[in-house]
C-alpha atoms as a PDB file:
ATOM      1  CA  HIS A   1      62.260-220.672  30.941  1.00  0.00           C
ATOM      2  CA  LEU A   2      62.090-221.328  34.650  1.00  0.00           C
ATOM      3  CA  ALA A   3      60.986-219.133  37.519  1.00  0.00           C
ATOM      4  CA  THR A   4      60.840-219.986  41.204  1.00  0.00           C
ATOM      5  CA  SER A   5      57.720-217.874  41.735  1.00  0.00           C
ATOM      6  CA  LEU A   6      55.475-215.250  40.164  1.00  0.00           C
ATOM      7  CA  PRO A   7      55.242-212.404  39.309  1.00  0.00           C
ATOM      8  CA  LEU A   8      58.107-212.396  36.859  1.00  0.00           C
ATOM      9  CA  PRO A   9      60.466-209.419  37.159  1.00  0.00           C
ATOM     10  CA  SER A  10      59.356-206.626  34.830  1.00  0.00           C
ATOM     11  CA  GLU A  11      62.796-205.229  33.920  1.00  0.00           C
ATOM     12  CA  ARG A  12      63.224-207.641  30.976  1.00  0.00           C
ATOM     13  CA  ASP A  13      59.580-207.710  29.930  1.00  0.00           C
ATOM     14  CA  HIS A  14      60.342-206.459  26.412  1.00  0.00           C
ATOM     15  CA  LEU A  15      62.729-209.414  25.826  1.00  0.00           C
ATOM     16  CA  ARG A  16      60.421-212.114  27.176  1.00  0.00           C
ATOM     17  CA  PRO A  17      58.912-214.463  24.590  1.00  0.00           C
ATOM     18  CA  ARG A  18      55.202-215.184  24.473  1.00  0.00           C
ATOM     19  CA  ILE A  19      54.080-217.530  27.259  1.00  0.00           C
ATOM     20  CA  ASP A  20      52.111-220.474  25.857  1.00  0.00           C
ATOM     21  CA  LEU A  21      51.976-222.802  28.877  1.00  0.00           C
ATOM     22  CA  ILE A  22      52.588-222.402  32.590  1.00  0.00           C
ATOM     23  CA  VAL A  23      53.537-225.548  34.494  1.00  0.00           C
ATOM     24  CA  PHE A  24      53.347-225.195  38.256  1.00  0.00           C
ATOM     25  CA  MET A  25      55.595-227.802  39.873  1.00  0.00           C
ATOM     26  CA  ILE A  26      54.596-229.075  43.291  1.00  0.00           C
ATOM     27  CA  ASP A  27      56.944-231.287  45.287  1.00  0.00           C
ATOM     28  CA  ILE A  28      54.672-233.579  47.281  1.00  0.00           C
ATOM     29  CA  LYS A  29      57.320-233.702  50.025  1.00  0.00           C
ATOM     30  CA  SER A  30      57.278-229.930  50.635  1.00  0.00           C
ATOM     31  CA  LYS A  31      54.408-227.889  52.082  1.00  0.00           C
ATOM     32  CA  TYR A  32      56.365-224.776  51.057  1.00  0.00           C
ATOM     33  CA  SER A  33      56.134-225.927  47.443  1.00  0.00           C
ATOM     34  CA  LEU A  34      52.327-225.930  47.526  1.00  0.00           C
ATOM     35  CA  LYS A  35      52.181-222.589  49.356  1.00  0.00           C
ATOM     36  CA  ASN A  36      54.530-221.035  46.766  1.00  0.00           C
ATOM     37  CA  VAL A  37      52.300-222.253  43.927  1.00  0.00           C
ATOM     38  CA  GLU A  38      49.155-220.991  45.660  1.00  0.00           C
ATOM     39  CA  THR A  39      50.762-217.558  46.129  1.00  0.00           C
ATOM     40  CA  SER A  40      51.966-217.466  42.515  1.00  0.00           C
ATOM     41  CA  LEU A  41      48.523-218.335  41.122  1.00  0.00           C
ATOM     42  CA  ALA A  42      47.263-214.875  42.069  1.00  0.00           C
ATOM     43  CA  HIS A  43      49.655-213.380  39.488  1.00  0.00           C
ATOM     44  CA  VAL A  44      48.345-215.379  36.522  1.00  0.00           C
ATOM     45  CA  ASP A  45      45.831-213.750  34.205  1.00  0.00           C
ATOM     46  CA  ALA A  46      42.458-215.521  34.365  1.00  0.00           C
ATOM     47  CA  SER A  47      42.526-216.191  30.598  1.00  0.00           C
ATOM     48  CA  PHE A  48      45.478-218.559  31.076  1.00  0.00           C
ATOM     49  CA  PHE A  49      43.322-220.957  33.047  1.00  0.00           C
ATOM     50  CA  LEU A  50      41.479-221.723  29.820  1.00  0.00           C
ATOM     51  CA  GLY A  51      43.897-224.467  28.836  1.00  0.00           C
ATOM     52  CA  LYS A  52      47.325-222.939  29.354  1.00  0.00           C
ATOM     53  CA  VAL A  53      48.099-223.951  32.948  1.00  0.00           C
ATOM     54  CA  CYS A  54      48.820-227.351  34.444  1.00  0.00           C
ATOM     55  CA  PHE A  55      50.116-228.651  37.748  1.00  0.00           C
ATOM     56  CA  LEU A  56      52.980-231.156  37.815  1.00  0.00           C
ATOM     57  CA  VAL A  57      53.220-233.045  41.094  1.00  0.00           C
ATOM     58  CA  THR A  58      56.597-234.669  41.719  1.00  0.00           C
ATOM     59  CA  GLY A  59      57.734-237.175  44.315  1.00  0.00           C
ATOM     60  CA  VAL A  60      54.592-239.284  44.188  1.00  0.00           C
ATOM     61  CA  GLY A  61      56.596-242.523  44.373  1.00  0.00           C
ATOM     62  CA  ARG A  62      57.300-242.003  48.071  1.00  0.00           C
ATOM     63  CA  VAL A  63      53.887-241.879  49.698  1.00  0.00           C
ATOM     64  CA  ASN A  64      55.391-242.186  53.192  1.00  0.00           C
ATOM     65  CA  ALA A  65      57.384-238.957  52.683  1.00  0.00           C
ATOM     66  CA  CYS A  66      54.387-236.836  51.592  1.00  0.00           C
ATOM     67  CA  SER A  67      53.875-233.511  53.344  1.00  0.00           C
ATOM     68  CA  ILE A  68      50.932-232.532  51.159  1.00  0.00           C
ATOM     69  CA  GLU A  69      47.582-234.283  50.884  1.00  0.00           C
ATOM     70  CA  MET A  70      46.952-235.547  47.343  1.00  0.00           C
ATOM     71  CA  ASN A  71      43.369-234.364  47.777  1.00  0.00           C
ATOM     72  CA  ALA A  72      44.598-230.758  48.251  1.00  0.00           C
ATOM     73  CA  VAL A  73      46.465-230.895  44.951  1.00  0.00           C
ATOM     74  CA  CYS A  74      43.502-232.419  43.105  1.00  0.00           C
ATOM     75  CA  LYS A  75      41.219-229.706  44.515  1.00  0.00           C
ATOM     76  CA  LEU A  76      43.678-227.082  43.249  1.00  0.00           C
ATOM     77  CA  GLY A  77      43.390-228.528  39.742  1.00  0.00           C
ATOM     78  CA  GLU A  78      39.602-228.547  40.000  1.00  0.00           C
ATOM     79  CA  ALA A  79      39.440-224.996  41.346  1.00  0.00           C
ATOM     80  CA  TYR A  80      41.514-223.669  38.443  1.00  0.00           C
ATOM     81  CA  CYS A  81      40.036-226.039  35.804  1.00  0.00           C
ATOM     82  CA  SER A  82      43.564-227.196  35.017  1.00  0.00           C
ATOM     83  CA  PRO A  83      45.016-230.685  34.586  1.00  0.00           C
ATOM     84  CA  VAL A  84      47.154-232.266  37.302  1.00  0.00           C
ATOM     85  CA  LEU A  85      49.984-234.579  36.215  1.00  0.00           C
ATOM     86  CA  PHE A  86      51.684-236.887  38.703  1.00  0.00           C
ATOM     87  CA  CYS A  87      55.221-238.177  38.225  1.00  0.00           C
ATOM     88  CA  GLU A  88      58.325-239.517  39.908  1.00  0.00           C
ATOM     89  CA  LEU A  89      61.321-237.660  38.499  1.00  0.00           C
ATOM     90  CA  GLU A  90      63.816-240.195  39.840  1.00  0.00           C
ATOM     91  CA  LEU A  91      62.554-242.896  37.460  1.00  0.00           C
ATOM     92  CA  GLU A  92      63.987-242.418  33.958  1.00  0.00           C
ATOM     93  CA  GLY A  93      61.026-243.900  32.077  1.00  0.00           C
ATOM     94  CA  ILE A  94      58.440-241.868  33.946  1.00  0.00           C
ATOM     95  CA  ARG A  95      60.549-238.714  33.659  1.00  0.00           C
ATOM     96  CA  ALA A  96      60.856-239.169  29.874  1.00  0.00           C
ATOM     97  CA  ALA A  97      57.141-239.910  29.448  1.00  0.00           C
ATOM     98  CA  THR A  98      56.221-236.852  31.531  1.00  0.00           C
ATOM     99  CA  ALA A  99      58.559-234.651  29.472  1.00  0.00           C
ATOM    100  CA  GLN A 100      56.974-235.923  26.242  1.00  0.00           C
ATOM    101  CA  ARG A 101      53.518-235.254  27.621  1.00  0.00           C
ATOM    102  CA  LEU A 102      54.474-231.696  28.608  1.00  0.00           C
ATOM    103  CA  VAL A 103      56.010-231.028  25.187  1.00  0.00           C
ATOM    104  CA  ARG A 104      52.812-232.253  23.522  1.00  0.00           C
ATOM    105  CA  MET A 105      50.742-230.001  25.773  1.00  0.00           C
ATOM    106  CA  LEU A 106      53.016-227.085  24.879  1.00  0.00           C
ATOM    107  CA  GLN A 107      52.626-227.799  21.153  1.00  0.00           C
ATOM    108  CA  ILE A 108      48.854-227.716  21.560  1.00  0.00           C
ATOM    109  CA  CYS A 109      48.885-224.557  23.695  1.00  0.00           C
ATOM    110  CA  ALA A 110      51.193-222.813  21.213  1.00  0.00           C
ATOM    111  CA  GLY A 111      48.813-223.650  18.360  1.00  0.00           C
ATOM    112  CA  HIS A 112      51.151-226.031  16.520  1.00  0.00           C
ATOM    113  CA  ILE A 113      48.655-228.922  16.342  1.00  0.00           C
ATOM    114  CA  PRO A 114      45.982-228.209  13.706  1.00  0.00           C
ATOM    115  CA  GLY A 115      42.412-228.724  14.835  1.00  0.00           C
ATOM    116  CA  VAL A 116      43.173-228.893  18.572  1.00  0.00           C
ATOM    117  CA  SER A 117      42.977-225.847  20.825  1.00  0.00           C
ATOM    118  CA  ALA A 118      44.260-225.604  24.365  1.00  0.00           C
ATOM    119  CA  LEU A 119      40.690-225.233  25.608  1.00  0.00           C
ATOM    120  CA  SER A 120      39.428-228.342  23.797  1.00  0.00           C
ATOM    121  CA  PHE A 121      42.476-230.289  24.973  1.00  0.00           C
ATOM    122  CA  VAL A 122      41.785-229.484  28.637  1.00  0.00           C
ATOM    123  CA  SER A 123      38.140-230.479  28.255  1.00  0.00           C
ATOM    124  CA  LEU A 124      39.322-233.857  26.903  1.00  0.00           C
ATOM    125  CA  MET A 125      41.579-234.319  29.945  1.00  0.00           C
ATOM    126  CA  ARG A 126      38.779-233.724  32.463  1.00  0.00           C
ATOM    127  CA  ASN A 127      37.403-236.730  34.312  1.00  0.00           C
ATOM    128  CA  SER A 128      33.975-237.954  33.300  1.00  0.00           C
ATOM    129  CA  ASP A 129      33.164-237.674  37.048  1.00  0.00           C
ATOM    130  CA  ASP A 130      33.158-233.871  36.613  1.00  0.00           C
ATOM    131  CA  ASP A 131      30.005-233.916  34.492  1.00  0.00           C
END
């Protein structure tokens, strides 16, 4: 399910399936994209930041077209204790690998991988620099 921003409309709340993972997409070429994500973050329950949120940064293959500082995106991930994935959607191989990675994250967050919780998975993804 896709949404352009949060909060989600409440009129179909009773039909909405359980949310296991929220992926915030940030287009590195659009300052509006980052601002939209920052605004939407206020509508996410704090418990989701314990392993059920990640940031997907697209357009990283064109550094000269960047409107957003990479450092700002990395700080966002740090502030919300959530992983940041970088990809270039125009490259088939990278797009496929990113999709597989997101599906695996979703399987973990949904509890379909025995012995691995979303919280333990995020702690494994953290940089050793954070310690």
